[in-house]
Amino acid sequence: MLDAVLRRRIDPPVERLAARLVAAGVGANTVTVAGLAIGFAAAVAIAFGAPLLGLVLILLSRLCDGLDGAIAKQTKPTDLGGYLDIVFDFVFYGVIPLGFALLDPAQNALPAALLLLTFYANGASFLAYAILAEKRKITTEVRGRKSFFFSTGLAEASETIIAFCLFCLFPGWFPVIALVFAAMTAWTFLARVRLAVRTFG
């Protein structure tokens, strides 16, 4: 929901930083892998009781997620790059709630499990729609030029990062925030299924 608005503000400085990395010979896939590694480090920091460090690492990880695409555009986008980007994004989205579940299993495990369920369902609806859109030659650049068809929704990347930041800033409120965001993600899943019925039915 917020991705289009935020991208207009974030993209210009990210593209300038990407140009410096390209000049230094840094490839897009290297940045993608670095982003995932930093995401895992964030989850470990959270699990060991350092959510503010986790917050910093989450933001660095998502900076890498923006940089890899910008680098690819300034060099040469590849199918492998697009594949790694989307797969590693979903791994990142799963590992942060896991970190909070490990931090306080008694309080956080069930909300984290419900959030991960909605992530799983939403991710499946997103990727299945993208596959069928490619099959039918349906295209969009509403989120810029991507390797996959991006169908929009209430809970997208920006909202997910905001939720993760709130987790880190208010770890005691993780169950409440996680359940609210799970409801938003479930709504996005249902909206994508409805869109698929209208488009492919």
Foldseek 3Di string as FASTA:
>chain_A
DCLLVVCVVPVPVLLVVLVVCVVVVDALVVLLVVLLVLLLVLLQCLLVPNLVSSLVSPVSSVSSLSSSVSNCVVPPDDPVSLVSSLVSVLVSLLSNLVSLCNNPVVPRVVLSVLLNVLSVLLSVLQQVVQVVCVVVVNADQSVHDGPTHGDDFQDDDVNSSVLSNCCSVCVVCNSVSSNVVSVRSNRRSVVSVVVCVVPVD
